[in-house]
Amino acid sequence: MRYEIRREPSGRWTVVDSMTALPAASNGRDLIGLSREDARDIADELNRSIAQGRDPLI
């Protein structure tokens, strides 16, 4: 899976691009400071998009 979630020291969650080890970003906004549920849903959707051959962050 290219996109994973990582817990921040604050207890919030970040969606991480495993290829770059950096937070994923969409619309110029880093996907950080999320609830676990939101982070998991976003990571799942990004990974589904890649599996279907679509660029997930356009």
PDB file of N, CA and C in Angstrom:
ATOM      1  N   MET A   1       0.837  -1.181   0.000  1.00  0.00           N
ATOM      2  CA  MET A   1       0.000   0.000   0.000  1.00  0.00           C
ATOM      3  C   MET A   1       0.882   1.243   0.000  1.00  0.00           C
ATOM      4  N   ARG A   2       0.583   2.126  -0.900  1.00  0.00           N
ATOM      5  CA  ARG A   2       1.399   3.336  -0.986  1.00  0.00           C
ATOM      6  C   ARG A   2       1.071   4.321   0.130  1.00  0.00           C
ATOM      7  N   TYR A   3      -0.201   4.449   0.465  1.00  0.00           N
ATOM      8  CA  TYR A   3      -0.590   5.417   1.490  1.00  0.00           C
ATOM      9  C   TYR A   3      -0.916   4.696   2.780  1.00  0.00           C
ATOM     10  N   GLU A   4      -0.313   5.177   3.847  1.00  0.00           N
ATOM     11  CA  GLU A   4      -0.483   4.590   5.175  1.00  0.00           C
ATOM     12  C   GLU A   4      -0.870   5.707   6.137  1.00  0.00           C
ATOM     13  N   ILE A   5      -1.292   5.328   7.320  1.00  0.00           N
ATOM     14  CA  ILE A   5      -1.545   6.349   8.326  1.00  0.00           C
ATOM     15  C   ILE A   5      -0.520   6.202   9.447  1.00  0.00           C
ATOM     16  N   ARG A   6      -0.203   7.333  10.034  1.00  0.00           N
ATOM     17  CA  ARG A   6       0.770   7.365  11.122  1.00  0.00           C
ATOM     18  C   ARG A   6       0.226   8.261  12.239  1.00  0.00           C
ATOM     19  N   ARG A   7       0.367   7.780  13.458  1.00  0.00           N
ATOM     20  CA  ARG A   7      -0.100   8.566  14.602  1.00  0.00           C
ATOM     21  C   ARG A   7       0.927   9.639  14.941  1.00  0.00           C
ATOM     22  N   GLU A   8       0.443  10.845  15.154  1.00  0.00           N
ATOM     23  CA  GLU A   8       1.289  11.972  15.527  1.00  0.00           C
ATOM     24  C   GLU A   8       1.439  11.998  17.049  1.00  0.00           C
ATOM     25  N   PRO A   9       2.474  12.656  17.566  1.00  0.00           N
ATOM     26  CA  PRO A   9       2.629  12.774  19.019  1.00  0.00           C
ATOM     27  C   PRO A   9       1.407  13.400  19.709  1.00  0.00           C
ATOM     28  N   SER A  10       0.675  14.227  18.977  1.00  0.00           N
ATOM     29  CA  SER A  10      -0.516  14.887  19.532  1.00  0.00           C
ATOM     30  C   SER A  10      -1.703  13.932  19.681  1.00  0.00           C
ATOM     31  N   GLY A  11      -1.573  12.726  19.090  1.00  0.00           N
ATOM     32  CA  GLY A  11      -2.689  11.783  19.105  1.00  0.00           C
ATOM     33  C   GLY A  11      -3.538  11.840  17.847  1.00  0.00           C
ATOM     34  N   ARG A  12      -3.307  12.837  16.990  1.00  0.00           N
ATOM     35  CA  ARG A  12      -4.002  12.935  15.714  1.00  0.00           C
ATOM     36  C   ARG A  12      -3.283  12.044  14.703  1.00  0.00           C
ATOM     37  N   TRP A  13      -3.768  11.998  13.465  1.00  0.00           N
ATOM     38  CA  TRP A  13      -3.241  11.072  12.459  1.00  0.00           C
ATOM     39  C   TRP A  13      -2.867  11.800  11.183  1.00  0.00           C
ATOM     40  N   THR A  14      -1.868  11.244  10.473  1.00  0.00           N
ATOM     41  CA  THR A  14      -1.378  11.774   9.209  1.00  0.00           C
ATOM     42  C   THR A  14      -1.445  10.681   8.155  1.00  0.00           C
ATOM     43  N   VAL A  15      -1.826  11.055   6.930  1.00  0.00           N
ATOM     44  CA  VAL A  15      -1.747  10.135   5.801  1.00  0.00           C
ATOM     45  C   VAL A  15      -0.359  10.332   5.193  1.00  0.00           C
ATOM     46  N   VAL A  16       0.409   9.257   5.109  1.00  0.00           N
ATOM     47  CA  VAL A  16       1.798   9.317   4.658  1.00  0.00           C
ATOM     48  C   VAL A  16       1.951   8.566   3.331  1.00  0.00           C
ATOM     49  N   ASP A  17       2.687   9.186   2.406  1.00  0.00           N
ATOM     50  CA  ASP A  17       3.049   8.542   1.147  1.00  0.00           C
ATOM     51  C   ASP A  17       4.289   7.698   1.433  1.00  0.00           C
ATOM     52  N   SER A  18       4.160   6.392   1.384  1.00  0.00           N
ATOM     53  CA  SER A  18       5.264   5.507   1.757  1.00  0.00           C
ATOM     54  C   SER A  18       6.441   5.593   0.776  1.00  0.00           C
ATOM     55  N   MET A  19       6.215   6.125  -0.421  1.00  0.00           N
ATOM     56  CA  MET A  19       7.312   6.262  -1.378  1.00  0.00           C
ATOM     57  C   MET A  19       8.229   7.428  -1.020  1.00  0.00           C
ATOM     58  N   THR A  20       7.684   8.458  -0.393  1.00  0.00           N
ATOM     59  CA  THR A  20       8.473   9.640  -0.048  1.00  0.00           C
ATOM     60  C   THR A  20       8.673   9.784   1.458  1.00  0.00           C
ATOM     61  N   ALA A  21       7.878   9.062   2.248  1.00  0.00           N
ATOM     62  CA  ALA A  21       7.866   9.170   3.714  1.00  0.00           C
ATOM     63  C   ALA A  21       7.402  10.552   4.180  1.00  0.00           C
ATOM     64  N   LEU A  22       6.714  11.275   3.298  1.00  0.00           N
ATOM     65  CA  LEU A  22       6.183  12.594   3.625  1.00  0.00           C
ATOM     66  C   LEU A  22       4.666  12.536   3.700  1.00  0.00           C
ATOM     67  N   PRO A  23       4.057  13.513   4.383  1.00  0.00           N
ATOM     68  CA  PRO A  23       2.599  13.550   4.383  1.00  0.00           C
ATOM     69  C   PRO A  23       2.055  13.702   2.971  1.00  0.00           C
ATOM     70  N   ALA A  24       0.999  12.979   2.684  1.00  0.00           N
ATOM     71  CA  ALA A  24       0.302  13.169   1.413  1.00  0.00           C
ATOM     72  C   ALA A  24      -0.370  14.540   1.450  1.00  0.00           C
ATOM     73  N   ALA A  25      -0.609  15.100   0.284  1.00  0.00           N
ATOM     74  CA  ALA A  25      -1.247  16.418   0.211  1.00  0.00           C
ATOM     75  C   ALA A  25      -2.303  16.394  -0.878  1.00  0.00           C
ATOM     76  N   SER A  26      -3.339  17.172  -0.662  1.00  0.00           N
ATOM     77  CA  SER A  26      -4.405  17.315  -1.642  1.00  0.00           C
ATOM     78  C   SER A  26      -4.868  18.765  -1.620  1.00  0.00           C
ATOM     79  N   ASN A  27      -4.991  19.357  -2.798  1.00  0.00           N
ATOM     80  CA  ASN A  27      -5.407  20.757  -2.892  1.00  0.00           C
ATOM     81  C   ASN A  27      -4.484  21.681  -2.120  1.00  0.00           C
ATOM     82  N   GLY A  28      -3.191  21.348  -2.088  1.00  0.00           N
ATOM     83  CA  GLY A  28      -2.223  22.183  -1.392  1.00  0.00           C
ATOM     84  C   GLY A  28      -2.241  22.050   0.117  1.00  0.00           C
ATOM     85  N   ARG A  29      -3.001  21.106   0.615  1.00  0.00           N
ATOM     86  CA  ARG A  29      -3.120  20.917   2.070  1.00  0.00           C
ATOM     87  C   ARG A  29      -2.557  19.560   2.450  1.00  0.00           C
ATOM     88  N   ASP A  30      -1.594  19.557   3.373  1.00  0.00           N
ATOM     89  CA  ASP A  30      -1.085  18.292   3.888  1.00  0.00           C
ATOM     90  C   ASP A  30      -2.180  17.573   4.653  1.00  0.00           C
ATOM     91  N   LEU A  31      -2.238  16.268   4.495  1.00  0.00           N
ATOM     92  CA  LEU A  31      -3.265  15.466   5.162  1.00  0.00           C
ATOM     93  C   LEU A  31      -2.749  15.068   6.542  1.00  0.00           C
ATOM     94  N   ILE A  32      -2.736  16.054   7.442  1.00  0.00           N
ATOM     95  CA  ILE A  32      -2.233  15.887   8.805  1.00  0.00           C
ATOM     96  C   ILE A  32      -3.296  16.357   9.798  1.00  0.00           C
ATOM     97  N   GLY A  33      -3.128  15.962  11.051  1.00  0.00           N
ATOM     98  CA  GLY A  33      -4.039  16.436  12.092  1.00  0.00           C
ATOM     99  C   GLY A  33      -5.449  15.888  11.964  1.00  0.00           C
ATOM    100  N   LEU A  34      -5.577  14.694  11.420  1.00  0.00           N
ATOM    101  CA  LEU A  34      -6.888  14.097  11.159  1.00  0.00           C
ATOM    102  C   LEU A  34      -7.302  13.147  12.283  1.00  0.00           C
ATOM    103  N   SER A  35      -8.590  12.867  12.346  1.00  0.00           N
ATOM    104  CA  SER A  35      -9.045  11.787  13.220  1.00  0.00           C
ATOM    105  C   SER A  35      -8.581  10.472  12.599  1.00  0.00           C
ATOM    106  N   ARG A  36      -8.501   9.438  13.397  1.00  0.00           N
ATOM    107  CA  ARG A  36      -8.058   8.147  12.866  1.00  0.00           C
ATOM    108  C   ARG A  36      -9.002   7.662  11.763  1.00  0.00           C
ATOM    109  N   GLU A  37     -10.290   7.812  11.990  1.00  0.00           N
ATOM    110  CA  GLU A  37     -11.279   7.363  11.007  1.00  0.00           C
ATOM    111  C   GLU A  37     -11.120   8.103   9.679  1.00  0.00           C
ATOM    112  N   ASP A  38     -10.960   9.428   9.732  1.00  0.00           N
ATOM    113  CA  ASP A  38     -10.788  10.203   8.497  1.00  0.00           C
ATOM    114  C   ASP A  38      -9.505   9.820   7.786  1.00  0.00           C
ATOM    115  N   ALA A  39      -8.411   9.689   8.537  1.00  0.00           N
ATOM    116  CA  ALA A  39      -7.130   9.318   7.937  1.00  0.00           C
ATOM    117  C   ALA A  39      -7.226   7.951   7.269  1.00  0.00           C
ATOM    118  N   ARG A  40      -7.845   6.988   7.939  1.00  0.00           N
ATOM    119  CA  ARG A  40      -7.992   5.638   7.370  1.00  0.00           C
ATOM    120  C   ARG A  40      -8.847   5.680   6.105  1.00  0.00           C
ATOM    121  N   ASP A  41      -9.949   6.423   6.137  1.00  0.00           N
ATOM    122  CA  ASP A  41     -10.821   6.519   4.960  1.00  0.00           C
ATOM    123  C   ASP A  41     -10.085   7.147   3.777  1.00  0.00           C
ATOM    124  N   ILE A  42      -9.335   8.203   4.024  1.00  0.00           N
ATOM    125  CA  ILE A  42      -8.602   8.873   2.954  1.00  0.00           C
ATOM    126  C   ILE A  42      -7.523   7.955   2.387  1.00  0.00           C
ATOM    127  N   ALA A  43      -6.744   7.318   3.260  1.00  0.00           N
ATOM    128  CA  ALA A  43      -5.689   6.405   2.799  1.00  0.00           C
ATOM    129  C   ALA A  43      -6.294   5.264   1.986  1.00  0.00           C
ATOM    130  N   ASP A  44      -7.398   4.715   2.445  1.00  0.00           N
ATOM    131  CA  ASP A  44      -8.058   3.631   1.707  1.00  0.00           C
ATOM    132  C   ASP A  44      -8.488   4.096   0.321  1.00  0.00           C
ATOM    133  N   GLU A  45      -9.063   5.283   0.232  1.00  0.00           N
ATOM    134  CA  GLU A  45      -9.514   5.805  -1.060  1.00  0.00           C
ATOM    135  C   GLU A  45      -8.324   6.080  -1.980  1.00  0.00           C
ATOM    136  N   LEU A  46      -7.250   6.647  -1.458  1.00  0.00           N
ATOM    137  CA  LEU A  46      -6.063   6.892  -2.272  1.00  0.00           C
ATOM    138  C   LEU A  46      -5.495   5.581  -2.800  1.00  0.00           C
ATOM    139  N   ASN A  47      -5.415   4.563  -1.962  1.00  0.00           N
ATOM    140  CA  ASN A  47      -4.900   3.260  -2.394  1.00  0.00           C
ATOM    141  C   ASN A  47      -5.818   2.594  -3.408  1.00  0.00           C
ATOM    142  N   ARG A  48      -7.141   2.733  -3.247  1.00  0.00           N
ATOM    143  CA  ARG A  48      -8.091   2.205  -4.235  1.00  0.00           C
ATOM    144  C   ARG A  48      -7.903   2.887  -5.586  1.00  0.00           C
ATOM    145  N   SER A  49      -7.699   4.194  -5.557  1.00  0.00           N
ATOM    146  CA  SER A  49      -7.499   4.943  -6.801  1.00  0.00           C
ATOM    147  C   SER A  49      -6.278   4.433  -7.550  1.00  0.00           C
ATOM    148  N   ILE A  50      -5.191   4.208  -6.841  1.00  0.00           N
ATOM    149  CA  ILE A  50      -3.980   3.690  -7.478  1.00  0.00           C
ATOM    150  C   ILE A  50      -4.244   2.296  -8.060  1.00  0.00           C
ATOM    151  N   ALA A  51      -4.934   1.450  -7.315  1.00  0.00           N
ATOM    152  CA  ALA A  51      -5.228   0.090  -7.789  1.00  0.00           C
ATOM    153  C   ALA A  51      -6.077   0.115  -9.057  1.00  0.00           C
ATOM    154  N   GLN A  52      -6.893   1.163  -9.226  1.00  0.00           N
ATOM    155  CA  GLN A  52      -7.748   1.288 -10.411  1.00  0.00           C
ATOM    156  C   GLN A  52      -7.064   2.069 -11.535  1.00  0.00           C
ATOM    157  N   GLY A  53      -5.788   2.426 -11.329  1.00  0.00           N
ATOM    158  CA  GLY A  53      -5.035   3.113 -12.368  1.00  0.00           C
ATOM    159  C   GLY A  53      -5.302   4.596 -12.462  1.00  0.00           C
ATOM    160  N   ARG A  54      -5.899   5.166 -11.437  1.00  0.00           N
ATOM    161  CA  ARG A  54      -6.167   6.611 -11.441  1.00  0.00           C
ATOM    162  C   ARG A  54      -5.147   7.301 -10.554  1.00  0.00           C
ATOM    163  N   ASP A  55      -4.810   8.548 -10.894  1.00  0.00           N
ATOM    164  CA  ASP A  55      -3.945   9.351 -10.037  1.00  0.00           C
ATOM    165  C   ASP A  55      -4.822   9.879  -8.913  1.00  0.00           C
ATOM    166  N   PRO A  56      -4.549   9.480  -7.672  1.00  0.00           N
ATOM    167  CA  PRO A  56      -5.471   9.797  -6.591  1.00  0.00           C
ATOM    168  C   PRO A  56      -5.474  11.238  -6.124  1.00  0.00           C
ATOM    169  N   LEU A  57      -4.472  12.016  -6.466  1.00  0.00           N
ATOM    170  CA  LEU A  57      -4.383  13.363  -5.915  1.00  0.00           C
ATOM    171  C   LEU A  57      -4.610  14.463  -6.937  1.00  0.00           C
ATOM    172  N   ILE A  58      -5.314  14.139  -8.009  1.00  0.00           N
ATOM    173  CA  ILE A  58      -5.661  15.175  -9.001  1.00  0.00           C
ATOM    174  C   ILE A  58      -7.024  15.728  -8.664  1.00  0.00           C
TER     175      ILE A  58
END
